[in-house]
Amino acid sequence: MKRKKRRARTKAEIITAVLYGIFGLLVAGVLYGAGRGAYALMGETVGNHYYATLAEKAAPSDTVDFAQLAKINPEVRGWVRLSDTAVNLPIVKTTDNSYYLDHRFDEVKNKLGTPFIDAGNVGDFSDRHTIIYGHALSSGSMFGSLWEYENPNYFMRHPEIQLFLPDGTQKTLSIFACSRVDGTRGAMPISFSTEQDFLSFIEELRAVSAFTSNVKVTSSDRIVTFCVVLPDGGEGRLLLSCKLTESSGVTIGDTAVQPPAQTTQAPPEATQSPEETPQG
C-alpha cells in the first residue's frame, strides 16, 4: 500500500509554528520567574514569622532569656532591639563569615540568615571595634530599618539601639555615624596599633556620615558597626557605627592600647542582594 505523500508546509504555517514556540518559551519563562518570586516571598514570610515568634518567647520585654536561646543555638552572643522596627533579633558568632548569611538562628536554611559578629572579633564586645553583619530587606525585615539612617530625621527619632548580653547586662549603642561604602572595600579594622589610629578611624566615619552626631567617642571607648546590604539594589554596603555604653550612660572603655592593627574581610556574599541569596 502506497504511503501518502506528506504535504509540504506552507511558509505561513512554518512562521505560525515558530511563533507558537516562542510564545510557549515566554510563558514558561514568566511562570518560572513567578515561581521563583513566590518561593522567595515564601522564604521571607517564613523567616519573618520565625523571628517574630522567637522574640515573643525569648525577648518579650526588657529582658532576654539567653538560657532558652542557648538551647536552640549555643553560638548566641547577644540580642539587639531598635524600638518600633523589625530589629528585635539575636546575634550569633561562628568561625566564618558565610554560614549565617543563609541560615536562621535554629540553623534551618533561609534567605534571611541571622545577624552575626565578624569571625575576627572575640564575640563578647570587648574588642575596640565589633562588626555585625546582616541582611536588610526593602520590606523592612531584619536590618531593613537601618538604611533609614541615611535620613537625618530618622536618626533624630532613633538615636540608640539596645544591646542585651548573655551575662544579664544591658548596653546602649549610641549611634554616631552612618555611611555608604564601596562594595569592593577590602577590610575594616577591628583593633588598632595606637589610640590615634582609632581616633582617626572614627573621624573617617564621621566625615562621610549622612548626619552629624553629638556623641563623643574617646580613645578609651569601644564601638560597634552594623554592616548591611542596601535594599535599594545599590552597590556597596551601609555602615551604621555606634558607641558602646552602659544603659546608664557610662562608657564601657579600656584605656589600654590594643594589639597591632588587625583587619577583617567582609563576607563576599554580603555584597549581594538578599533576594539573590538561597532561601528555604
C-alpha atoms as a PDB file:
ATOM      1  CA  MET A   1       0.000   0.000   0.000  1.00  0.00           C
ATOM      2  CA  LYS A   2       1.441   3.300  -1.044  1.00  0.00           C
ATOM      3  CA  ARG A   3       2.119   5.760   1.730  1.00  0.00           C
ATOM      4  CA  LYS A   4       0.511   9.110   1.109  1.00  0.00           C
ATOM      5  CA  LYS A   5       2.889  11.882   0.370  1.00  0.00           C
ATOM      6  CA  ARG A   6       3.310  14.297   3.233  1.00  0.00           C
ATOM      7  CA  ARG A   7       2.060  17.736   2.277  1.00  0.00           C
ATOM      8  CA  ALA A   8       4.770  20.345   2.421  1.00  0.00           C
ATOM      9  CA  ARG A   9       4.084  23.006   4.994  1.00  0.00           C
ATOM     10  CA  THR A  10       3.498  26.454   3.697  1.00  0.00           C
ATOM     11  CA  LYS A  11       5.659  29.373   4.721  1.00  0.00           C
ATOM     12  CA  ALA A  12       2.773  30.771   6.758  1.00  0.00           C
ATOM     13  CA  GLU A  13       2.415  27.517   8.692  1.00  0.00           C
ATOM     14  CA  ILE A  14       6.141  27.448   9.474  1.00  0.00           C
ATOM     15  CA  ILE A  15       6.061  31.021  10.732  1.00  0.00           C
ATOM     16  CA  THR A  16       2.999  30.240  12.852  1.00  0.00           C
ATOM     17  CA  ALA A  17       4.713  27.203  14.378  1.00  0.00           C
ATOM     18  CA  VAL A  18       7.815  29.276  15.216  1.00  0.00           C
ATOM     19  CA  LEU A  19       5.683  31.977  16.824  1.00  0.00           C
ATOM     20  CA  TYR A  20       3.832  29.405  18.910  1.00  0.00           C
ATOM     21  CA  GLY A  21       7.177  28.005  20.022  1.00  0.00           C
ATOM     22  CA  ILE A  22       8.453  31.431  21.046  1.00  0.00           C
ATOM     23  CA  PHE A  23       5.191  32.141  22.840  1.00  0.00           C
ATOM     24  CA  GLY A  24       5.478  28.863  24.729  1.00  0.00           C
ATOM     25  CA  LEU A  25       9.014  29.696  25.839  1.00  0.00           C
ATOM     26  CA  LEU A  26       7.924  33.167  27.008  1.00  0.00           C
ATOM     27  CA  VAL A  27       5.048  31.693  29.012  1.00  0.00           C
ATOM     28  CA  ALA A  28       7.381  29.137  30.573  1.00  0.00           C
ATOM     29  CA  GLY A  29       9.830  31.911  31.480  1.00  0.00           C
ATOM     30  CA  VAL A  30       7.110  34.027  33.069  1.00  0.00           C
ATOM     31  CA  LEU A  31       5.826  31.067  35.061  1.00  0.00           C
ATOM     32  CA  TYR A  32       9.358  30.198  36.178  1.00  0.00           C
ATOM     33  CA  GLY A  33      10.008  33.779  37.234  1.00  0.00           C
ATOM     34  CA  ALA A  34       6.703  33.939  39.071  1.00  0.00           C
ATOM     35  CA  GLY A  35       7.520  30.667  40.772  1.00  0.00           C
ATOM     36  CA  ARG A  36      10.901  31.934  41.901  1.00  0.00           C
ATOM     37  CA  GLY A  37       9.340  35.160  43.127  1.00  0.00           C
ATOM     38  CA  ALA A  38       6.693  33.266  45.068  1.00  0.00           C
ATOM     39  CA  TYR A  39       9.354  30.970  46.519  1.00  0.00           C
ATOM     40  CA  ALA A  40      11.456  33.958  47.587  1.00  0.00           C
ATOM     41  CA  LEU A  41       8.432  35.631  49.151  1.00  0.00           C
ATOM     42  CA  MET A  42       7.569  32.434  50.986  1.00  0.00           C
ATOM     43  CA  GLY A  43      11.119  32.202  52.331  1.00  0.00           C
ATOM     44  CA  GLU A  44      10.933  35.764  53.631  1.00  0.00           C
ATOM     45  CA  THR A  45       7.488  35.215  55.153  1.00  0.00           C
ATOM     46  CA  VAL A  46       8.559  32.006  56.894  1.00  0.00           C
ATOM     47  CA  GLY A  47      11.736  33.685  58.176  1.00  0.00           C
ATOM     48  CA  ASN A  48       9.884  36.731  59.472  1.00  0.00           C
ATOM     49  CA  HIS A  49       7.347  34.557  61.280  1.00  0.00           C
ATOM     50  CA  TYR A  50      10.148  32.533  62.847  1.00  0.00           C
ATOM     51  CA  TYR A  51      11.968  35.594  64.249  1.00  0.00           C
ATOM     52  CA  ALA A  52       8.751  37.240  65.432  1.00  0.00           C
ATOM     53  CA  THR A  53       7.852  34.061  67.330  1.00  0.00           C
ATOM     54  CA  LEU A  54      11.375  33.779  68.740  1.00  0.00           C
ATOM     55  CA  ALA A  55      11.202  37.362  70.018  1.00  0.00           C
ATOM     56  CA  GLU A  56       7.837  36.748  71.671  1.00  0.00           C
ATOM     57  CA  LYS A  57       9.162  33.710  73.509  1.00  0.00           C
ATOM     58  CA  ALA A  58      12.727  34.698  74.387  1.00  0.00           C
ATOM     59  CA  ALA A  59      12.678  38.518  74.480  1.00  0.00           C
ATOM     60  CA  PRO A  60       9.165  39.691  75.312  1.00  0.00           C
ATOM     61  CA  SER A  61      10.194  42.819  77.256  1.00  0.00           C
ATOM     62  CA  ASP A  62      13.375  44.386  78.624  1.00  0.00           C
ATOM     63  CA  THR A  63      14.843  41.007  79.457  1.00  0.00           C
ATOM     64  CA  VAL A  64      16.156  38.263  77.207  1.00  0.00           C
ATOM     65  CA  ASP A  65      16.095  34.561  78.107  1.00  0.00           C
ATOM     66  CA  PHE A  66      19.567  33.542  76.964  1.00  0.00           C
ATOM     67  CA  ALA A  67      19.253  30.135  78.620  1.00  0.00           C
ATOM     68  CA  GLN A  68      16.380  29.353  76.266  1.00  0.00           C
ATOM     69  CA  LEU A  69      18.249  30.806  73.297  1.00  0.00           C
ATOM     70  CA  ALA A  70      21.393  28.807  74.085  1.00  0.00           C
ATOM     71  CA  LYS A  71      19.392  25.576  73.958  1.00  0.00           C
ATOM     72  CA  ILE A  72      18.410  26.461  70.392  1.00  0.00           C
ATOM     73  CA  ASN A  73      21.841  27.738  69.369  1.00  0.00           C
ATOM     74  CA  PRO A  74      24.864  27.850  71.703  1.00  0.00           C
ATOM     75  CA  GLU A  75      26.560  30.362  69.382  1.00  0.00           C
ATOM     76  CA  VAL A  76      24.270  33.170  70.568  1.00  0.00           C
ATOM     77  CA  ARG A  77      26.277  36.220  71.679  1.00  0.00           C
ATOM     78  CA  GLY A  78      23.661  38.907  72.181  1.00  0.00           C
ATOM     79  CA  TRP A  79      20.307  40.401  71.250  1.00  0.00           C
ATOM     80  CA  VAL A  80      19.667  43.777  69.578  1.00  0.00           C
ATOM     81  CA  ARG A  81      16.469  45.801  69.595  1.00  0.00           C
ATOM     82  CA  LEU A  82      15.529  49.034  67.819  1.00  0.00           C
ATOM     83  CA  SER A  83      12.174  50.268  69.072  1.00  0.00           C
ATOM     84  CA  ASP A  84       9.231  50.347  66.667  1.00  0.00           C
ATOM     85  CA  THR A  85      11.068  48.328  63.985  1.00  0.00           C
ATOM     86  CA  ALA A  86      11.690  44.710  62.977  1.00  0.00           C
ATOM     87  CA  VAL A  87      15.150  44.911  64.565  1.00  0.00           C
ATOM     88  CA  ASN A  88      14.478  42.628  67.531  1.00  0.00           C
ATOM     89  CA  LEU A  89      16.929  39.878  66.786  1.00  0.00           C
ATOM     90  CA  PRO A  90      19.561  37.504  68.157  1.00  0.00           C
ATOM     91  CA  ILE A  91      23.254  37.953  67.368  1.00  0.00           C
ATOM     92  CA  VAL A  92      25.491  34.940  66.818  1.00  0.00           C
ATOM     93  CA  LYS A  93      29.165  34.265  66.117  1.00  0.00           C
ATOM     94  CA  THR A  94      30.872  31.364  64.413  1.00  0.00           C
ATOM     95  CA  THR A  95      34.230  30.663  62.768  1.00  0.00           C
ATOM     96  CA  ASP A  96      33.459  32.018  59.287  1.00  0.00           C
ATOM     97  CA  ASN A  97      31.616  34.883  57.640  1.00  0.00           C
ATOM     98  CA  SER A  98      29.332  32.915  55.349  1.00  0.00           C
ATOM     99  CA  TYR A  99      27.294  30.295  57.233  1.00  0.00           C
ATOM    100  CA  TYR A 100      24.757  32.642  58.823  1.00  0.00           C
ATOM    101  CA  LEU A 101      24.170  34.566  55.610  1.00  0.00           C
ATOM    102  CA  ASP A 102      21.567  31.950  54.707  1.00  0.00           C
ATOM    103  CA  HIS A 103      20.842  30.065  57.937  1.00  0.00           C
ATOM    104  CA  ARG A 104      18.330  31.094  60.594  1.00  0.00           C
ATOM    105  CA  PHE A 105      19.098  31.116  64.289  1.00  0.00           C
ATOM    106  CA  ASP A 106      17.908  27.494  64.530  1.00  0.00           C
ATOM    107  CA  GLU A 107      20.297  26.657  61.650  1.00  0.00           C
ATOM    108  CA  VAL A 108      17.494  25.975  59.177  1.00  0.00           C
ATOM    109  CA  LYS A 109      18.444  27.307  55.746  1.00  0.00           C
ATOM    110  CA  ASN A 110      16.583  30.540  54.967  1.00  0.00           C
ATOM    111  CA  LYS A 111      17.263  33.680  52.923  1.00  0.00           C
ATOM    112  CA  LEU A 112      17.025  35.964  55.962  1.00  0.00           C
ATOM    113  CA  GLY A 113      20.003  34.362  57.681  1.00  0.00           C
ATOM    114  CA  THR A 114      20.977  35.522  61.183  1.00  0.00           C
ATOM    115  CA  PRO A 115      22.850  38.686  62.230  1.00  0.00           C
ATOM    116  CA  PHE A 116      26.392  37.632  63.114  1.00  0.00           C
ATOM    117  CA  ILE A 117      29.559  39.058  64.597  1.00  0.00           C
ATOM    118  CA  ASP A 118      32.654  39.048  62.403  1.00  0.00           C
ATOM    119  CA  ALA A 119      34.749  35.909  62.762  1.00  0.00           C
ATOM    120  CA  GLY A 120      37.781  38.052  63.603  1.00  0.00           C
ATOM    121  CA  ASN A 121      36.132  39.509  66.698  1.00  0.00           C
ATOM    122  CA  VAL A 122      36.259  37.915  70.134  1.00  0.00           C
ATOM    123  CA  GLY A 123      32.481  37.978  70.200  1.00  0.00           C
ATOM    124  CA  ASP A 124      31.832  39.422  73.660  1.00  0.00           C
ATOM    125  CA  PHE A 125      32.040  43.083  72.541  1.00  0.00           C
ATOM    126  CA  SER A 126      35.350  43.534  74.338  1.00  0.00           C
ATOM    127  CA  ASP A 127      37.167  44.430  71.100  1.00  0.00           C
ATOM    128  CA  ARG A 128      37.820  48.064  70.316  1.00  0.00           C
ATOM    129  CA  HIS A 129      35.643  47.593  67.213  1.00  0.00           C
ATOM    130  CA  THR A 130      32.979  44.868  66.835  1.00  0.00           C
ATOM    131  CA  ILE A 131      31.382  44.355  63.408  1.00  0.00           C
ATOM    132  CA  ILE A 132      27.898  42.843  62.974  1.00  0.00           C
ATOM    133  CA  TYR A 133      26.698  41.693  59.539  1.00  0.00           C
ATOM    134  CA  GLY A 134      23.093  41.140  58.488  1.00  0.00           C
ATOM    135  CA  HIS A 135      20.628  41.365  55.613  1.00  0.00           C
ATOM    136  CA  ALA A 136      18.485  44.458  55.040  1.00  0.00           C
ATOM    137  CA  LEU A 137      15.315  43.848  53.029  1.00  0.00           C
ATOM    138  CA  SER A 138      13.314  46.605  51.343  1.00  0.00           C
ATOM    139  CA  SER A 139      10.230  45.412  53.248  1.00  0.00           C
ATOM    140  CA  GLY A 140      11.967  46.458  56.474  1.00  0.00           C
ATOM    141  CA  SER A 141      12.683  42.875  57.523  1.00  0.00           C
ATOM    142  CA  MET A 142      15.799  42.042  59.541  1.00  0.00           C
ATOM    143  CA  PHE A 143      18.123  45.108  59.394  1.00  0.00           C
ATOM    144  CA  GLY A 144      15.973  46.793  56.731  1.00  0.00           C
ATOM    145  CA  SER A 145      15.245  49.715  59.045  1.00  0.00           C
ATOM    146  CA  LEU A 146      18.925  50.608  59.382  1.00  0.00           C
ATOM    147  CA  TRP A 147      19.219  52.096  55.886  1.00  0.00           C
ATOM    148  CA  GLU A 148      16.649  54.687  57.022  1.00  0.00           C
ATOM    149  CA  TYR A 149      19.506  56.308  58.939  1.00  0.00           C
ATOM    150  CA  GLU A 150      20.581  57.979  55.721  1.00  0.00           C
ATOM    151  CA  ASN A 151      17.748  60.369  56.605  1.00  0.00           C
ATOM    152  CA  PRO A 152      18.926  62.689  59.437  1.00  0.00           C
ATOM    153  CA  ASN A 153      15.354  62.961  60.741  1.00  0.00           C
ATOM    154  CA  TYR A 154      15.247  59.209  61.277  1.00  0.00           C
ATOM    155  CA  PHE A 155      18.452  59.435  63.300  1.00  0.00           C
ATOM    156  CA  MET A 156      16.883  62.126  65.480  1.00  0.00           C
ATOM    157  CA  ARG A 157      13.949  59.793  66.237  1.00  0.00           C
ATOM    158  CA  HIS A 158      16.072  56.673  66.797  1.00  0.00           C
ATOM    159  CA  PRO A 159      19.452  57.712  68.234  1.00  0.00           C
ATOM    160  CA  GLU A 160      20.047  54.477  70.183  1.00  0.00           C
ATOM    161  CA  ILE A 161      19.849  50.705  69.829  1.00  0.00           C
ATOM    162  CA  GLN A 162      19.523  48.358  72.789  1.00  0.00           C
ATOM    163  CA  LEU A 163      22.012  45.529  73.216  1.00  0.00           C
ATOM    164  CA  PHE A 164      21.434  42.637  75.625  1.00  0.00           C
ATOM    165  CA  LEU A 165      24.275  40.286  76.580  1.00  0.00           C
ATOM    166  CA  PRO A 166      24.263  36.704  77.936  1.00  0.00           C
ATOM    167  CA  ASP A 167      25.762  37.824  81.264  1.00  0.00           C
ATOM    168  CA  GLY A 168      22.489  39.619  82.011  1.00  0.00           C
ATOM    169  CA  THR A 169      23.723  43.143  81.318  1.00  0.00           C
ATOM    170  CA  GLN A 170      22.049  45.628  79.022  1.00  0.00           C
ATOM    171  CA  LYS A 171      24.062  48.084  76.946  1.00  0.00           C
ATOM    172  CA  THR A 172      23.214  51.054  74.756  1.00  0.00           C
ATOM    173  CA  LEU A 173      24.542  51.547  71.252  1.00  0.00           C
ATOM    174  CA  SER A 174      24.671  55.313  70.758  1.00  0.00           C
ATOM    175  CA  ILE A 175      24.741  55.938  67.005  1.00  0.00           C
ATOM    176  CA  PHE A 176      27.318  58.456  65.789  1.00  0.00           C
ATOM    177  CA  ALA A 177      27.745  57.820  62.037  1.00  0.00           C
ATOM    178  CA  CYS A 178      26.025  56.301  59.010  1.00  0.00           C
ATOM    179  CA  SER A 179      27.557  55.985  55.572  1.00  0.00           C
ATOM    180  CA  ARG A 180      27.637  54.002  52.335  1.00  0.00           C
ATOM    181  CA  VAL A 181      30.926  52.376  51.424  1.00  0.00           C
ATOM    182  CA  ASP A 182      32.188  50.795  48.239  1.00  0.00           C
ATOM    183  CA  GLY A 183      31.048  47.194  47.855  1.00  0.00           C
ATOM    184  CA  THR A 184      34.606  46.213  46.973  1.00  0.00           C
ATOM    185  CA  ARG A 185      36.023  47.739  50.142  1.00  0.00           C
ATOM    186  CA  GLY A 186      38.607  45.252  51.317  1.00  0.00           C
ATOM    187  CA  ALA A 187      38.608  45.380  55.082  1.00  0.00           C
ATOM    188  CA  MET A 188      37.597  47.213  58.243  1.00  0.00           C
ATOM    189  CA  PRO A 189      39.886  47.294  61.296  1.00  0.00           C
ATOM    190  CA  ILE A 190      38.769  45.578  64.485  1.00  0.00           C
ATOM    191  CA  SER A 191      41.774  46.625  66.566  1.00  0.00           C
ATOM    192  CA  PHE A 192      44.280  49.454  66.327  1.00  0.00           C
ATOM    193  CA  SER A 193      48.014  49.881  66.899  1.00  0.00           C
ATOM    194  CA  THR A 194      47.617  53.224  68.650  1.00  0.00           C
ATOM    195  CA  GLU A 195      44.904  55.350  70.156  1.00  0.00           C
ATOM    196  CA  GLN A 196      45.479  57.906  67.409  1.00  0.00           C
ATOM    197  CA  ASP A 197      44.786  55.271  64.751  1.00  0.00           C
ATOM    198  CA  PHE A 198      41.493  54.530  66.457  1.00  0.00           C
ATOM    199  CA  LEU A 199      40.514  58.212  66.650  1.00  0.00           C
ATOM    200  CA  SER A 200      41.484  58.738  63.011  1.00  0.00           C
ATOM    201  CA  PHE A 201      39.181  55.880  62.026  1.00  0.00           C
ATOM    202  CA  ILE A 202      36.342  57.496  63.993  1.00  0.00           C
ATOM    203  CA  GLU A 203      36.892  60.766  62.155  1.00  0.00           C
ATOM    204  CA  GLU A 204      36.833  58.947  58.806  1.00  0.00           C
ATOM    205  CA  LEU A 205      33.419  57.527  59.692  1.00  0.00           C
ATOM    206  CA  ARG A 206      32.127  60.936  60.763  1.00  0.00           C
ATOM    207  CA  ALA A 207      33.456  62.639  57.623  1.00  0.00           C
ATOM    208  CA  VAL A 208      31.252  60.539  55.326  1.00  0.00           C
ATOM    209  CA  SER A 209      28.248  60.266  57.658  1.00  0.00           C
ATOM    210  CA  ALA A 210      24.759  61.183  56.447  1.00  0.00           C
ATOM    211  CA  PHE A 211      24.221  63.205  59.623  1.00  0.00           C
ATOM    212  CA  THR A 212      26.151  64.989  62.359  1.00  0.00           C
ATOM    213  CA  SER A 213      26.025  63.437  65.816  1.00  0.00           C
ATOM    214  CA  ASN A 214      26.935  64.949  69.167  1.00  0.00           C
ATOM    215  CA  VAL A 215      28.007  61.551  70.512  1.00  0.00           C
ATOM    216  CA  LYS A 216      31.586  61.924  71.704  1.00  0.00           C
ATOM    217  CA  VAL A 217      33.929  58.986  71.110  1.00  0.00           C
ATOM    218  CA  THR A 218      37.226  58.981  73.006  1.00  0.00           C
ATOM    219  CA  SER A 219      40.321  56.796  72.763  1.00  0.00           C
ATOM    220  CA  SER A 220      39.056  54.647  75.655  1.00  0.00           C
ATOM    221  CA  ASP A 221      35.704  53.829  74.062  1.00  0.00           C
ATOM    222  CA  ARG A 222      34.575  50.772  72.139  1.00  0.00           C
ATOM    223  CA  ILE A 223      32.423  50.906  69.052  1.00  0.00           C
ATOM    224  CA  VAL A 224      30.052  48.575  67.210  1.00  0.00           C
ATOM    225  CA  THR A 225      29.345  48.817  63.479  1.00  0.00           C
ATOM    226  CA  PHE A 226      26.413  47.219  61.661  1.00  0.00           C
ATOM    227  CA  CYS A 227      27.360  46.333  58.082  1.00  0.00           C
ATOM    228  CA  VAL A 228      24.350  45.647  55.851  1.00  0.00           C
ATOM    229  CA  VAL A 229      23.431  45.248  52.204  1.00  0.00           C
ATOM    230  CA  LEU A 230      21.478  48.106  50.677  1.00  0.00           C
ATOM    231  CA  PRO A 231      17.830  47.140  49.987  1.00  0.00           C
ATOM    232  CA  ASP A 232      17.506  49.543  47.052  1.00  0.00           C
ATOM    233  CA  GLY A 233      19.780  47.391  44.942  1.00  0.00           C
ATOM    234  CA  GLY A 234      22.583  49.953  45.006  1.00  0.00           C
ATOM    235  CA  GLU A 235      26.200  48.941  45.121  1.00  0.00           C
ATOM    236  CA  GLY A 236      28.144  48.944  48.337  1.00  0.00           C
ATOM    237  CA  ARG A 237      27.112  48.459  51.922  1.00  0.00           C
ATOM    238  CA  LEU A 238      25.707  50.608  54.682  1.00  0.00           C
ATOM    239  CA  LEU A 239      27.762  51.127  57.835  1.00  0.00           C
ATOM    240  CA  LEU A 240      25.959  52.230  60.984  1.00  0.00           C
ATOM    241  CA  SER A 241      28.516  52.940  63.693  1.00  0.00           C
ATOM    242  CA  CYS A 242      27.711  53.183  67.397  1.00  0.00           C
ATOM    243  CA  LYS A 243      29.464  53.899  70.673  1.00  0.00           C
ATOM    244  CA  LEU A 244      29.049  51.129  73.249  1.00  0.00           C
ATOM    245  CA  THR A 245      27.850  52.455  76.580  1.00  0.00           C
ATOM    246  CA  GLU A 246      26.211  51.204  79.739  1.00  0.00           C
ATOM    247  CA  SER A 247      22.460  51.718  79.783  1.00  0.00           C
ATOM    248  CA  SER A 248      23.051  54.333  82.468  1.00  0.00           C
ATOM    249  CA  GLY A 249      25.233  56.255  80.030  1.00  0.00           C
ATOM    250  CA  VAL A 250      28.618  55.182  81.458  1.00  0.00           C
ATOM    251  CA  THR A 251      31.041  54.315  78.680  1.00  0.00           C
ATOM    252  CA  ILE A 252      32.411  50.790  78.539  1.00  0.00           C
ATOM    253  CA  GLY A 253      36.024  51.647  77.907  1.00  0.00           C
ATOM    254  CA  ASP A 254      39.550  50.336  78.163  1.00  0.00           C
ATOM    255  CA  THR A 255      42.402  52.805  78.385  1.00  0.00           C
ATOM    256  CA  ALA A 256      44.993  50.234  77.342  1.00  0.00           C
ATOM    257  CA  VAL A 257      46.262  50.373  73.791  1.00  0.00           C
ATOM    258  CA  GLN A 258      45.078  47.431  71.713  1.00  0.00           C
ATOM    259  CA  PRO A 259      47.461  44.980  69.965  1.00  0.00           C
ATOM    260  CA  PRO A 260      48.774  45.770  66.464  1.00  0.00           C
ATOM    261  CA  ALA A 261      46.077  46.520  63.923  1.00  0.00           C
ATOM    262  CA  GLN A 262      44.090  43.590  62.566  1.00  0.00           C
ATOM    263  CA  THR A 263      41.684  43.721  59.686  1.00  0.00           C
ATOM    264  CA  THR A 264      38.821  41.534  58.700  1.00  0.00           C
ATOM    265  CA  GLN A 265      37.419  40.693  55.299  1.00  0.00           C
ATOM    266  CA  ALA A 266      33.708  41.346  54.811  1.00  0.00           C
ATOM    267  CA  PRO A 267      31.859  38.271  53.569  1.00  0.00           C
ATOM    268  CA  PRO A 268      31.742  38.348  49.760  1.00  0.00           C
ATOM    269  CA  GLU A 269      28.103  37.221  49.820  1.00  0.00           C
ATOM    270  CA  ALA A 270      27.185  40.346  51.762  1.00  0.00           C
ATOM    271  CA  THR A 271      27.565  42.397  48.594  1.00  0.00           C
ATOM    272  CA  GLN A 272      24.657  40.509  47.013  1.00  0.00           C
ATOM    273  CA  SER A 273      21.040  41.498  47.238  1.00  0.00           C
ATOM    274  CA  PRO A 274      19.206  39.442  49.868  1.00  0.00           C
ATOM    275  CA  GLU A 275      16.800  38.356  47.172  1.00  0.00           C
ATOM    276  CA  GLU A 276      19.710  36.608  45.422  1.00  0.00           C
ATOM    277  CA  THR A 277      20.612  34.566  48.483  1.00  0.00           C
ATOM    278  CA  PRO A 278      19.347  30.963  48.545  1.00  0.00           C
ATOM    279  CA  GLN A 279      16.392  30.512  50.802  1.00  0.00           C
ATOM    280  CA  GLY A 280      14.373  27.767  52.361  1.00  0.00           C
END
